Amino acid sequence: MFSAYYRMRRNILACPAEDGGLQIIPKQALRVEAAMLAAWVALAALIAALPAGAQPRSDYPNRPVRIIVPQAAGSGVDLTARVVAQKLADAWGQQFVVDNRPGANGIIGLEAGAKAKPDGHTLALGVPSSLTMNPYVYKALPYDTLKDLTPIGMMTDGAGIVIVANTKTTNIRSLEDLIREAKAN
């Protein structure tokens, strides 16, 4: 799905294809997919809250909100969280505090978020790789990703890149070169 995509140029994305090769996808198509996914996640979160019978709280947040970041201070995730925290504080007139809990590939921070009181005053940022890979990499997690954490929205849309080590000894200079080399060998 989205974790398998790699950005190669400004206007195309490449992802693994079913036949083992690479599939080229226009960037605009992925943006539409990401927007649709975010909309469905937001709708699912809203629907999940309905059976609880909770009425909208006009006083939220009525005390400082903690944003747990499972990455080190100064990382890209931390910087994003600090910008969002400031914007939320400005909009809601309440303090939003970034609490960095790095370590163990995000497990320490996500555990703190999963075990926090579910009152909306503790938010945790989940990095896609930690959320999707940790259940398969580690035998036992101190939380269940699907049961203990509820996604409420997407903050950013990041992309990885494909790199080739030591281009001085290869002829790979582009995605096309990489595909050609992979097919030949």
N, C-alpha and C. Protein backbone atom coordinates (compact mmCIF):
# COMPACT_ATOMS: atom_id res chain seq x y z
N MET A 1 0.84 -1.17 0.00
CA MET A 1 0.00 0.00 0.00
C MET A 1 0.88 1.23 0.00
N PHE A 2 0.59 2.26 0.83
CA PHE A 2 1.31 3.52 0.77
C PHE A 2 2.76 3.38 1.23
N SER A 3 3.06 2.45 2.15
CA SER A 3 4.42 2.34 2.65
C SER A 3 5.38 1.82 1.60
N ALA A 4 4.88 1.30 0.48
CA ALA A 4 5.75 0.73 -0.55
C ALA A 4 6.12 1.73 -1.63
N TYR A 5 5.67 2.96 -1.54
CA TYR A 5 5.92 3.94 -2.59
C TYR A 5 7.26 4.64 -2.41
N TYR A 6 7.91 4.96 -3.52
CA TYR A 6 9.18 5.66 -3.50
C TYR A 6 9.13 6.79 -4.50
N ARG A 7 9.51 7.98 -4.11
CA ARG A 7 9.51 9.14 -5.00
C ARG A 7 10.82 9.14 -5.79
N MET A 8 10.73 9.30 -7.09
CA MET A 8 11.93 9.35 -7.91
C MET A 8 12.08 10.68 -8.63
N ARG A 9 10.99 11.28 -9.02
CA ARG A 9 11.03 12.55 -9.72
C ARG A 9 9.89 13.41 -9.20
N ARG A 10 9.85 14.65 -9.64
CA ARG A 10 8.81 15.54 -9.15
C ARG A 10 7.40 15.07 -9.52
N ASN A 11 7.21 14.44 -10.66
CA ASN A 11 5.86 14.15 -11.11
C ASN A 11 5.54 12.67 -11.27
N ILE A 12 6.40 11.77 -10.82
CA ILE A 12 6.07 10.35 -10.87
C ILE A 12 6.47 9.68 -9.56
N LEU A 13 5.83 8.56 -9.29
CA LEU A 13 6.18 7.72 -8.16
C LEU A 13 6.34 6.31 -8.69
N ALA A 14 7.17 5.53 -8.06
CA ALA A 14 7.33 4.14 -8.46
C ALA A 14 7.06 3.26 -7.26
N CYS A 15 6.37 2.17 -7.48
CA CYS A 15 6.12 1.21 -6.40
C CYS A 15 6.31 -0.19 -6.94
N PRO A 16 6.51 -1.15 -6.06
CA PRO A 16 6.67 -2.52 -6.54
C PRO A 16 5.39 -2.99 -7.23
N ALA A 17 5.54 -3.63 -8.37
CA ALA A 17 4.40 -4.17 -9.10
C ALA A 17 4.23 -5.64 -8.75
N GLU A 18 3.05 -6.19 -9.07
CA GLU A 18 2.77 -7.59 -8.74
C GLU A 18 3.72 -8.55 -9.43
N ASP A 19 4.22 -8.17 -10.61
CA ASP A 19 5.12 -9.06 -11.34
C ASP A 19 6.57 -8.97 -10.88
N GLY A 20 6.82 -8.19 -9.82
CA GLY A 20 8.17 -8.05 -9.29
C GLY A 20 8.93 -6.87 -9.84
N GLY A 21 8.40 -6.22 -10.86
CA GLY A 21 9.04 -5.04 -11.42
C GLY A 21 8.59 -3.79 -10.69
N LEU A 22 8.77 -2.66 -11.33
CA LEU A 22 8.33 -1.39 -10.75
C LEU A 22 7.19 -0.83 -11.57
N GLN A 23 6.20 -0.30 -10.88
CA GLN A 23 5.05 0.31 -11.53
C GLN A 23 5.18 1.82 -11.38
N ILE A 24 5.04 2.56 -12.46
CA ILE A 24 5.12 4.02 -12.43
C ILE A 24 3.72 4.57 -12.24
N ILE A 25 3.55 5.44 -11.26
CA ILE A 25 2.25 6.00 -10.95
C ILE A 25 2.37 7.52 -10.95
N PRO A 26 1.46 8.22 -11.64
CA PRO A 26 1.49 9.68 -11.59
C PRO A 26 1.28 10.16 -10.16
N LYS A 27 2.04 11.16 -9.75
CA LYS A 27 1.97 11.69 -8.39
C LYS A 27 0.56 12.15 -8.03
N GLN A 28 -0.16 12.71 -9.01
CA GLN A 28 -1.50 13.20 -8.75
C GLN A 28 -2.42 12.06 -8.32
N ALA A 29 -2.25 10.88 -8.89
CA ALA A 29 -3.09 9.73 -8.54
C ALA A 29 -2.87 9.34 -7.09
N LEU A 30 -1.63 9.37 -6.63
CA LEU A 30 -1.35 9.02 -5.25
C LEU A 30 -1.92 10.05 -4.29
N ARG A 31 -1.84 11.33 -4.67
CA ARG A 31 -2.41 12.37 -3.82
C ARG A 31 -3.90 12.15 -3.63
N VAL A 32 -4.59 11.77 -4.70
CA VAL A 32 -6.03 11.49 -4.60
C VAL A 32 -6.25 10.31 -3.67
N GLU A 33 -5.44 9.23 -3.83
CA GLU A 33 -5.57 8.07 -2.95
C GLU A 33 -5.31 8.46 -1.50
N ALA A 34 -4.28 9.23 -1.24
CA ALA A 34 -3.95 9.64 0.13
C ALA A 34 -5.07 10.50 0.71
N ALA A 35 -5.62 11.40 -0.09
CA ALA A 35 -6.72 12.25 0.38
C ALA A 35 -7.94 11.40 0.69
N MET A 36 -8.23 10.42 -0.16
CA MET A 36 -9.38 9.53 0.09
C MET A 36 -9.15 8.71 1.36
N LEU A 37 -7.93 8.20 1.54
CA LEU A 37 -7.63 7.44 2.74
C LEU A 37 -7.81 8.30 3.99
N ALA A 38 -7.30 9.52 3.95
CA ALA A 38 -7.45 10.42 5.09
C ALA A 38 -8.91 10.70 5.37
N ALA A 39 -9.71 10.88 4.32
CA ALA A 39 -11.14 11.13 4.51
C ALA A 39 -11.83 9.92 5.13
N TRP A 40 -11.48 8.71 4.65
CA TRP A 40 -12.09 7.51 5.22
C TRP A 40 -11.67 7.29 6.67
N VAL A 41 -10.40 7.57 6.99
CA VAL A 41 -9.94 7.44 8.38
C VAL A 41 -10.69 8.41 9.28
N ALA A 42 -10.84 9.64 8.83
CA ALA A 42 -11.56 10.64 9.62
C ALA A 42 -13.03 10.23 9.80
N LEU A 43 -13.66 9.73 8.74
CA LEU A 43 -15.05 9.30 8.83
C LEU A 43 -15.18 8.12 9.77
N ALA A 44 -14.24 7.16 9.68
CA ALA A 44 -14.29 5.99 10.56
C ALA A 44 -14.14 6.40 12.03
N ALA A 45 -13.26 7.35 12.29
CA ALA A 45 -13.07 7.83 13.66
C ALA A 45 -14.35 8.50 14.17
N LEU A 46 -15.00 9.27 13.31
CA LEU A 46 -16.24 9.93 13.69
C LEU A 46 -17.33 8.91 13.96
N ILE A 47 -17.47 7.93 13.09
CA ILE A 47 -18.49 6.90 13.27
C ILE A 47 -18.22 6.08 14.52
N ALA A 48 -16.95 5.77 14.77
CA ALA A 48 -16.60 4.99 15.96
C ALA A 48 -16.98 5.73 17.24
N ALA A 49 -16.96 7.04 17.20
CA ALA A 49 -17.29 7.82 18.40
C ALA A 49 -18.79 7.92 18.63
N LEU A 50 -19.61 7.72 17.60
CA LEU A 50 -21.05 7.88 17.73
C LEU A 50 -21.72 6.93 18.72
N PRO A 51 -21.44 5.63 18.72
CA PRO A 51 -22.14 4.74 19.64
C PRO A 51 -21.90 5.08 21.11
N ALA A 52 -20.83 5.75 21.42
CA ALA A 52 -20.54 6.10 22.81
C ALA A 52 -21.55 7.09 23.36
N GLY A 53 -22.30 7.74 22.49
CA GLY A 53 -23.32 8.68 22.95
C GLY A 53 -22.75 9.97 23.51
N ALA A 54 -21.50 10.21 23.27
CA ALA A 54 -20.87 11.41 23.81
C ALA A 54 -21.34 12.64 23.05
N GLN A 55 -21.67 13.68 23.76
CA GLN A 55 -22.04 14.94 23.16
C GLN A 55 -20.78 15.74 22.90
N PRO A 56 -20.77 16.56 21.85
CA PRO A 56 -19.59 17.38 21.61
C PRO A 56 -19.29 18.25 22.84
N ARG A 57 -18.02 18.32 23.19
CA ARG A 57 -17.63 19.10 24.37
C ARG A 57 -17.20 20.48 23.91
N SER A 58 -17.93 21.46 24.36
CA SER A 58 -17.60 22.83 23.98
C SER A 58 -16.40 23.36 24.76
N ASP A 59 -16.03 22.67 25.84
CA ASP A 59 -14.91 23.15 26.64
C ASP A 59 -13.59 22.45 26.30
N TYR A 60 -13.56 21.61 25.26
CA TYR A 60 -12.32 20.93 24.90
C TYR A 60 -11.43 21.86 24.10
N PRO A 61 -10.18 21.88 24.38
CA PRO A 61 -9.49 21.28 25.52
C PRO A 61 -9.58 22.21 26.74
N ASN A 62 -9.86 21.63 27.87
CA ASN A 62 -10.00 22.44 29.08
C ASN A 62 -8.74 22.42 29.96
N ARG A 63 -7.69 21.83 29.46
CA ARG A 63 -6.38 21.84 30.11
C ARG A 63 -5.33 21.56 29.03
N PRO A 64 -4.05 21.71 29.32
CA PRO A 64 -3.02 21.48 28.30
C PRO A 64 -3.12 20.08 27.69
N VAL A 65 -2.82 20.00 26.41
CA VAL A 65 -2.85 18.74 25.67
C VAL A 65 -1.41 18.31 25.41
N ARG A 66 -1.14 17.05 25.70
CA ARG A 66 0.20 16.51 25.49
C ARG A 66 0.23 15.79 24.14
N ILE A 67 1.23 16.12 23.33
CA ILE A 67 1.44 15.44 22.05
C ILE A 67 2.71 14.60 22.19
N ILE A 68 2.54 13.29 22.24
CA ILE A 68 3.69 12.39 22.37
C ILE A 68 4.29 12.15 20.99
N VAL A 69 5.58 12.43 20.88
CA VAL A 69 6.31 12.23 19.63
C VAL A 69 7.31 11.10 19.86
N PRO A 70 7.15 9.97 19.17
CA PRO A 70 8.05 8.84 19.39
C PRO A 70 9.38 8.96 18.65
N GLN A 71 9.86 10.17 18.51
CA GLN A 71 11.13 10.45 17.84
C GLN A 71 11.90 11.47 18.67
N ALA A 72 13.17 11.61 18.39
CA ALA A 72 14.03 12.53 19.12
C ALA A 72 13.69 13.99 18.80
N ALA A 73 13.99 14.86 19.76
CA ALA A 73 13.84 16.29 19.53
C ALA A 73 14.73 16.70 18.37
N GLY A 74 14.20 17.54 17.50
CA GLY A 74 14.96 17.99 16.35
C GLY A 74 14.73 17.15 15.10
N SER A 75 14.05 16.01 15.24
CA SER A 75 13.77 15.19 14.06
C SER A 75 12.66 15.83 13.23
N GLY A 76 12.46 15.34 12.04
CA GLY A 76 11.41 15.88 11.18
C GLY A 76 10.03 15.75 11.81
N VAL A 77 9.77 14.61 12.45
CA VAL A 77 8.48 14.39 13.11
C VAL A 77 8.31 15.38 14.26
N ASP A 78 9.37 15.61 15.02
CA ASP A 78 9.32 16.57 16.13
C ASP A 78 9.03 17.98 15.63
N LEU A 79 9.72 18.39 14.59
CA LEU A 79 9.52 19.74 14.06
C LEU A 79 8.10 19.91 13.55
N THR A 80 7.57 18.91 12.88
CA THR A 80 6.18 18.96 12.41
C THR A 80 5.23 19.07 13.59
N ALA A 81 5.46 18.26 14.62
CA ALA A 81 4.60 18.29 15.81
C ALA A 81 4.62 19.66 16.47
N ARG A 82 5.78 20.30 16.52
CA ARG A 82 5.87 21.62 17.16
C ARG A 82 5.13 22.70 16.38
N VAL A 83 5.19 22.61 15.05
CA VAL A 83 4.44 23.57 14.23
C VAL A 83 2.94 23.37 14.42
N VAL A 84 2.50 22.11 14.37
CA VAL A 84 1.08 21.80 14.55
C VAL A 84 0.63 22.18 15.95
N ALA A 85 1.44 21.89 16.97
CA ALA A 85 1.09 22.24 18.35
C ALA A 85 0.87 23.74 18.50
N GLN A 86 1.73 24.53 17.90
CA GLN A 86 1.58 25.99 17.98
C GLN A 86 0.31 26.45 17.30
N LYS A 87 0.01 25.89 16.12
CA LYS A 87 -1.21 26.26 15.39
C LYS A 87 -2.46 25.86 16.19
N LEU A 88 -2.45 24.68 16.80
CA LEU A 88 -3.59 24.25 17.62
C LEU A 88 -3.74 25.14 18.85
N ALA A 89 -2.63 25.50 19.48
CA ALA A 89 -2.68 26.38 20.65
C ALA A 89 -3.25 27.75 20.26
N ASP A 90 -2.83 28.27 19.12
CA ASP A 90 -3.36 29.56 18.65
C ASP A 90 -4.85 29.47 18.37
N ALA A 91 -5.27 28.36 17.75
CA ALA A 91 -6.68 28.21 17.36
C ALA A 91 -7.59 27.95 18.56
N TRP A 92 -7.12 27.18 19.55
CA TRP A 92 -7.99 26.78 20.65
C TRP A 92 -7.70 27.50 21.96
N GLY A 93 -6.66 28.31 22.00
CA GLY A 93 -6.37 29.06 23.21
C GLY A 93 -5.96 28.19 24.39
N GLN A 94 -5.38 27.06 24.10
CA GLN A 94 -4.92 26.14 25.16
C GLN A 94 -3.53 25.66 24.78
N GLN A 95 -2.73 25.35 25.76
CA GLN A 95 -1.37 24.92 25.51
C GLN A 95 -1.33 23.48 24.98
N PHE A 96 -0.50 23.25 23.95
CA PHE A 96 -0.24 21.91 23.42
C PHE A 96 1.25 21.67 23.61
N VAL A 97 1.59 20.67 24.41
CA VAL A 97 2.97 20.41 24.80
C VAL A 97 3.51 19.19 24.06
N VAL A 98 4.64 19.35 23.40
CA VAL A 98 5.29 18.24 22.70
C VAL A 98 6.15 17.48 23.71
N ASP A 99 5.89 16.17 23.82
CA ASP A 99 6.60 15.29 24.75
C ASP A 99 7.34 14.23 23.93
N ASN A 100 8.64 14.42 23.75
CA ASN A 100 9.43 13.47 22.96
C ASN A 100 9.71 12.22 23.78
N ARG A 101 9.38 11.06 23.21
CA ARG A 101 9.64 9.76 23.84
C ARG A 101 10.29 8.85 22.81
N PRO A 102 11.56 9.15 22.44
CA PRO A 102 12.20 8.34 21.40
C PRO A 102 12.67 6.99 21.92
N GLY A 103 12.91 6.09 21.00
CA GLY A 103 13.53 4.81 21.34
C GLY A 103 12.71 3.62 20.89
N ALA A 104 13.41 2.53 20.67
CA ALA A 104 12.81 1.24 20.33
C ALA A 104 11.92 1.33 19.10
N ASN A 105 12.36 2.05 18.09
CA ASN A 105 11.61 2.22 16.84
C ASN A 105 10.19 2.74 17.07
N GLY A 106 10.06 3.66 18.01
CA GLY A 106 8.76 4.29 18.28
C GLY A 106 7.93 3.60 19.32
N ILE A 107 8.34 2.44 19.78
CA ILE A 107 7.54 1.66 20.72
C ILE A 107 7.35 2.40 22.05
N ILE A 108 8.39 3.05 22.55
CA ILE A 108 8.29 3.74 23.84
C ILE A 108 7.23 4.84 23.79
N GLY A 109 7.26 5.67 22.76
CA GLY A 109 6.29 6.74 22.62
C GLY A 109 4.89 6.24 22.35
N LEU A 110 4.75 5.24 21.48
CA LEU A 110 3.43 4.71 21.17
C LEU A 110 2.83 4.00 22.38
N GLU A 111 3.66 3.35 23.18
CA GLU A 111 3.15 2.73 24.40
C GLU A 111 2.60 3.79 25.36
N ALA A 112 3.34 4.89 25.51
CA ALA A 112 2.85 5.97 26.38
C ALA A 112 1.52 6.51 25.87
N GLY A 113 1.37 6.64 24.57
CA GLY A 113 0.12 7.11 24.00
C GLY A 113 -1.01 6.11 24.19
N ALA A 114 -0.71 4.83 23.98
CA ALA A 114 -1.72 3.78 24.11
C ALA A 114 -2.21 3.63 25.55
N LYS A 115 -1.35 3.88 26.52
CA LYS A 115 -1.71 3.70 27.93
C LYS A 115 -2.22 4.97 28.60
N ALA A 116 -2.25 6.08 27.86
CA ALA A 116 -2.74 7.34 28.42
C ALA A 116 -4.25 7.29 28.59
N LYS A 117 -4.76 8.11 29.49
CA LYS A 117 -6.20 8.22 29.69
C LYS A 117 -6.84 8.66 28.38
N PRO A 118 -7.86 7.94 27.89
CA PRO A 118 -8.45 8.26 26.58
C PRO A 118 -9.46 9.42 26.65
N ASP A 119 -8.97 10.58 27.03
CA ASP A 119 -9.86 11.74 27.19
C ASP A 119 -9.59 12.83 26.16
N GLY A 120 -8.71 12.56 25.19
CA GLY A 120 -8.40 13.53 24.16
C GLY A 120 -7.34 14.54 24.55
N HIS A 121 -6.84 14.46 25.77
CA HIS A 121 -5.80 15.40 26.20
C HIS A 121 -4.40 14.84 26.06
N THR A 122 -4.30 13.63 25.49
CA THR A 122 -3.01 13.06 25.11
C THR A 122 -3.14 12.55 23.69
N LEU A 123 -2.30 13.06 22.82
CA LEU A 123 -2.26 12.63 21.43
C LEU A 123 -0.90 12.00 21.20
N ALA A 124 -0.83 11.03 20.32
CA ALA A 124 0.45 10.41 19.97
C ALA A 124 0.59 10.45 18.46
N LEU A 125 1.77 10.78 18.01
CA LEU A 125 2.03 10.76 16.57
C LEU A 125 2.59 9.40 16.20
N GLY A 126 2.01 8.80 15.20
CA GLY A 126 2.49 7.51 14.74
C GLY A 126 3.20 7.65 13.41
N VAL A 127 4.41 7.16 13.35
CA VAL A 127 5.15 7.15 12.10
C VAL A 127 4.73 5.87 11.37
N PRO A 128 4.33 5.98 10.10
CA PRO A 128 3.81 4.79 9.40
C PRO A 128 4.68 3.55 9.52
N SER A 129 5.99 3.70 9.42
CA SER A 129 6.85 2.51 9.49
C SER A 129 6.74 1.84 10.85
N SER A 130 6.65 2.61 11.92
CA SER A 130 6.51 2.02 13.25
C SER A 130 5.16 1.34 13.44
N LEU A 131 4.13 1.95 12.92
CA LEU A 131 2.78 1.40 13.08
C LEU A 131 2.57 0.14 12.24
N THR A 132 3.14 0.11 11.06
CA THR A 132 2.88 -1.03 10.18
C THR A 132 3.88 -2.16 10.33
N MET A 133 5.15 -1.83 10.63
CA MET A 133 6.18 -2.87 10.67
C MET A 133 6.40 -3.46 12.05
N ASN A 134 6.28 -2.67 13.10
CA ASN A 134 6.59 -3.17 14.44
C ASN A 134 5.84 -4.44 14.82
N PRO A 135 4.54 -4.56 14.50
CA PRO A 135 3.85 -5.80 14.86
C PRO A 135 4.45 -7.05 14.21
N TYR A 136 5.15 -6.88 13.10
CA TYR A 136 5.75 -8.02 12.40
C TYR A 136 7.22 -8.22 12.77
N VAL A 137 7.87 -7.16 13.22
CA VAL A 137 9.29 -7.23 13.54
C VAL A 137 9.52 -7.71 14.97
N TYR A 138 8.67 -7.27 15.88
CA TYR A 138 8.85 -7.59 17.30
C TYR A 138 7.83 -8.64 17.73
N LYS A 139 8.29 -9.62 18.51
CA LYS A 139 7.41 -10.72 18.92
C LYS A 139 6.27 -10.24 19.81
N ALA A 140 6.56 -9.30 20.70
CA ALA A 140 5.53 -8.82 21.61
C ALA A 140 5.66 -7.32 21.77
N LEU A 141 4.57 -6.62 21.55
CA LEU A 141 4.53 -5.18 21.77
C LEU A 141 3.72 -4.91 23.04
N PRO A 142 4.02 -3.83 23.74
CA PRO A 142 3.26 -3.52 24.97
C PRO A 142 1.89 -2.91 24.66
N TYR A 143 1.49 -2.91 23.41
CA TYR A 143 0.19 -2.40 22.99
C TYR A 143 -0.22 -3.14 21.72
N ASP A 144 -1.51 -3.10 21.43
CA ASP A 144 -2.03 -3.66 20.19
C ASP A 144 -2.32 -2.49 19.26
N THR A 145 -1.59 -2.42 18.16
CA THR A 145 -1.71 -1.28 17.25
C THR A 145 -3.15 -1.04 16.81
N LEU A 146 -3.88 -2.09 16.51
CA LEU A 146 -5.24 -1.95 16.00
C LEU A 146 -6.28 -1.72 17.09
N LYS A 147 -6.05 -2.23 18.29
CA LYS A 147 -7.05 -2.10 19.36
C LYS A 147 -6.78 -0.93 20.31
N ASP A 148 -5.52 -0.62 20.55
CA ASP A 148 -5.19 0.40 21.56
C ASP A 148 -4.97 1.79 20.99
N LEU A 149 -4.84 1.92 19.69
CA LEU A 149 -4.59 3.22 19.06
C LEU A 149 -5.70 3.51 18.05
N THR A 150 -6.17 4.74 18.02
CA THR A 150 -7.23 5.14 17.09
C THR A 150 -6.71 6.26 16.20
N PRO A 151 -6.61 6.02 14.90
CA PRO A 151 -6.16 7.10 14.01
C PRO A 151 -7.24 8.17 13.89
N ILE A 152 -6.84 9.44 13.99
CA ILE A 152 -7.81 10.52 13.87
C ILE A 152 -7.52 11.45 12.70
N GLY A 153 -6.39 11.30 12.06
CA GLY A 153 -6.09 12.14 10.91
C GLY A 153 -4.64 12.04 10.50
N MET A 154 -4.38 12.53 9.30
CA MET A 154 -3.03 12.55 8.76
C MET A 154 -2.46 13.95 8.86
N MET A 155 -1.23 14.08 9.33
CA MET A 155 -0.59 15.39 9.46
C MET A 155 0.26 15.73 8.24
N THR A 156 0.98 14.75 7.72
CA THR A 156 1.87 15.01 6.59
C THR A 156 1.80 13.86 5.61
N ASP A 157 2.30 14.10 4.44
CA ASP A 157 2.41 13.08 3.41
C ASP A 157 3.87 13.05 2.99
N GLY A 158 4.60 12.10 3.51
CA GLY A 158 6.02 12.02 3.20
C GLY A 158 6.30 10.92 2.21
N ALA A 159 7.43 10.97 1.60
CA ALA A 159 7.81 9.94 0.64
C ALA A 159 9.26 9.57 0.84
N GLY A 160 9.57 8.34 0.60
CA GLY A 160 10.95 7.89 0.63
C GLY A 160 11.57 8.05 -0.74
N ILE A 161 12.83 7.80 -0.80
CA ILE A 161 13.52 7.88 -2.09
C ILE A 161 14.31 6.61 -2.30
N VAL A 162 14.53 6.27 -3.54
CA VAL A 162 15.36 5.13 -3.88
C VAL A 162 16.75 5.67 -4.16
N ILE A 163 17.74 5.10 -3.51
CA ILE A 163 19.13 5.54 -3.74
C ILE A 163 19.97 4.34 -4.14
N VAL A 164 21.04 4.60 -4.83
CA VAL A 164 21.97 3.56 -5.24
C VAL A 164 23.32 3.94 -4.67
N ALA A 165 23.93 3.02 -3.95
CA ALA A 165 25.23 3.28 -3.35
C ALA A 165 26.33 3.25 -4.40
N ASN A 166 27.32 4.09 -4.22
CA ASN A 166 28.53 4.10 -5.02
C ASN A 166 28.26 4.11 -6.53
N THR A 167 27.69 5.19 -7.01
CA THR A 167 27.39 5.30 -8.44
C THR A 167 28.64 5.39 -9.30
N LYS A 168 29.81 5.55 -8.69
CA LYS A 168 31.06 5.59 -9.46
C LYS A 168 31.39 4.22 -10.06
N THR A 169 30.89 3.15 -9.45
CA THR A 169 31.19 1.81 -9.95
C THR A 169 30.02 1.18 -10.69
N THR A 170 28.91 1.90 -10.85
CA THR A 170 27.77 1.37 -11.61
C THR A 170 27.38 2.36 -12.70
N ASN A 171 26.52 1.93 -13.56
CA ASN A 171 26.00 2.80 -14.61
C ASN A 171 24.59 3.28 -14.27
N ILE A 172 24.18 3.15 -13.03
CA ILE A 172 22.83 3.53 -12.63
C ILE A 172 22.82 5.00 -12.23
N ARG A 173 22.07 5.79 -12.99
CA ARG A 173 21.96 7.22 -12.73
C ARG A 173 20.50 7.68 -12.66
N SER A 174 19.56 6.77 -12.96
CA SER A 174 18.14 7.14 -13.00
C SER A 174 17.30 5.90 -12.70
N LEU A 175 16.00 6.12 -12.54
CA LEU A 175 15.09 5.00 -12.31
C LEU A 175 15.09 4.06 -13.51
N GLU A 176 15.14 4.61 -14.70
CA GLU A 176 15.17 3.79 -15.90
C GLU A 176 16.43 2.90 -15.92
N ASP A 177 17.58 3.46 -15.52
CA ASP A 177 18.81 2.68 -15.44
C ASP A 177 18.67 1.54 -14.43
N LEU A 178 18.05 1.82 -13.30
CA LEU A 178 17.86 0.82 -12.26
C LEU A 178 16.98 -0.31 -12.76
N ILE A 179 15.88 0.03 -13.43
CA ILE A 179 14.97 -0.98 -13.95
C ILE A 179 15.68 -1.83 -15.00
N ARG A 180 16.40 -1.19 -15.89
CA ARG A 180 17.14 -1.91 -16.95
C ARG A 180 18.16 -2.87 -16.30
N GLU A 181 18.91 -2.41 -15.33
CA GLU A 181 19.92 -3.23 -14.64
C GLU A 181 19.26 -4.40 -13.89
N ALA A 182 18.13 -4.13 -13.25
CA ALA A 182 17.44 -5.19 -12.52
C ALA A 182 16.92 -6.27 -13.45
N LYS A 183 16.38 -5.86 -14.60
CA LYS A 183 15.88 -6.84 -15.56
C LYS A 183 17.01 -7.65 -16.17
N ALA A 184 18.16 -7.04 -16.39
CA ALA A 184 19.30 -7.73 -16.99
C ALA A 184 19.95 -8.71 -16.04
N ASN A 185 19.84 -8.47 -14.76
CA ASN A 185 20.51 -9.34 -13.79
C ASN A 185 19.49 -10.01 -12.91
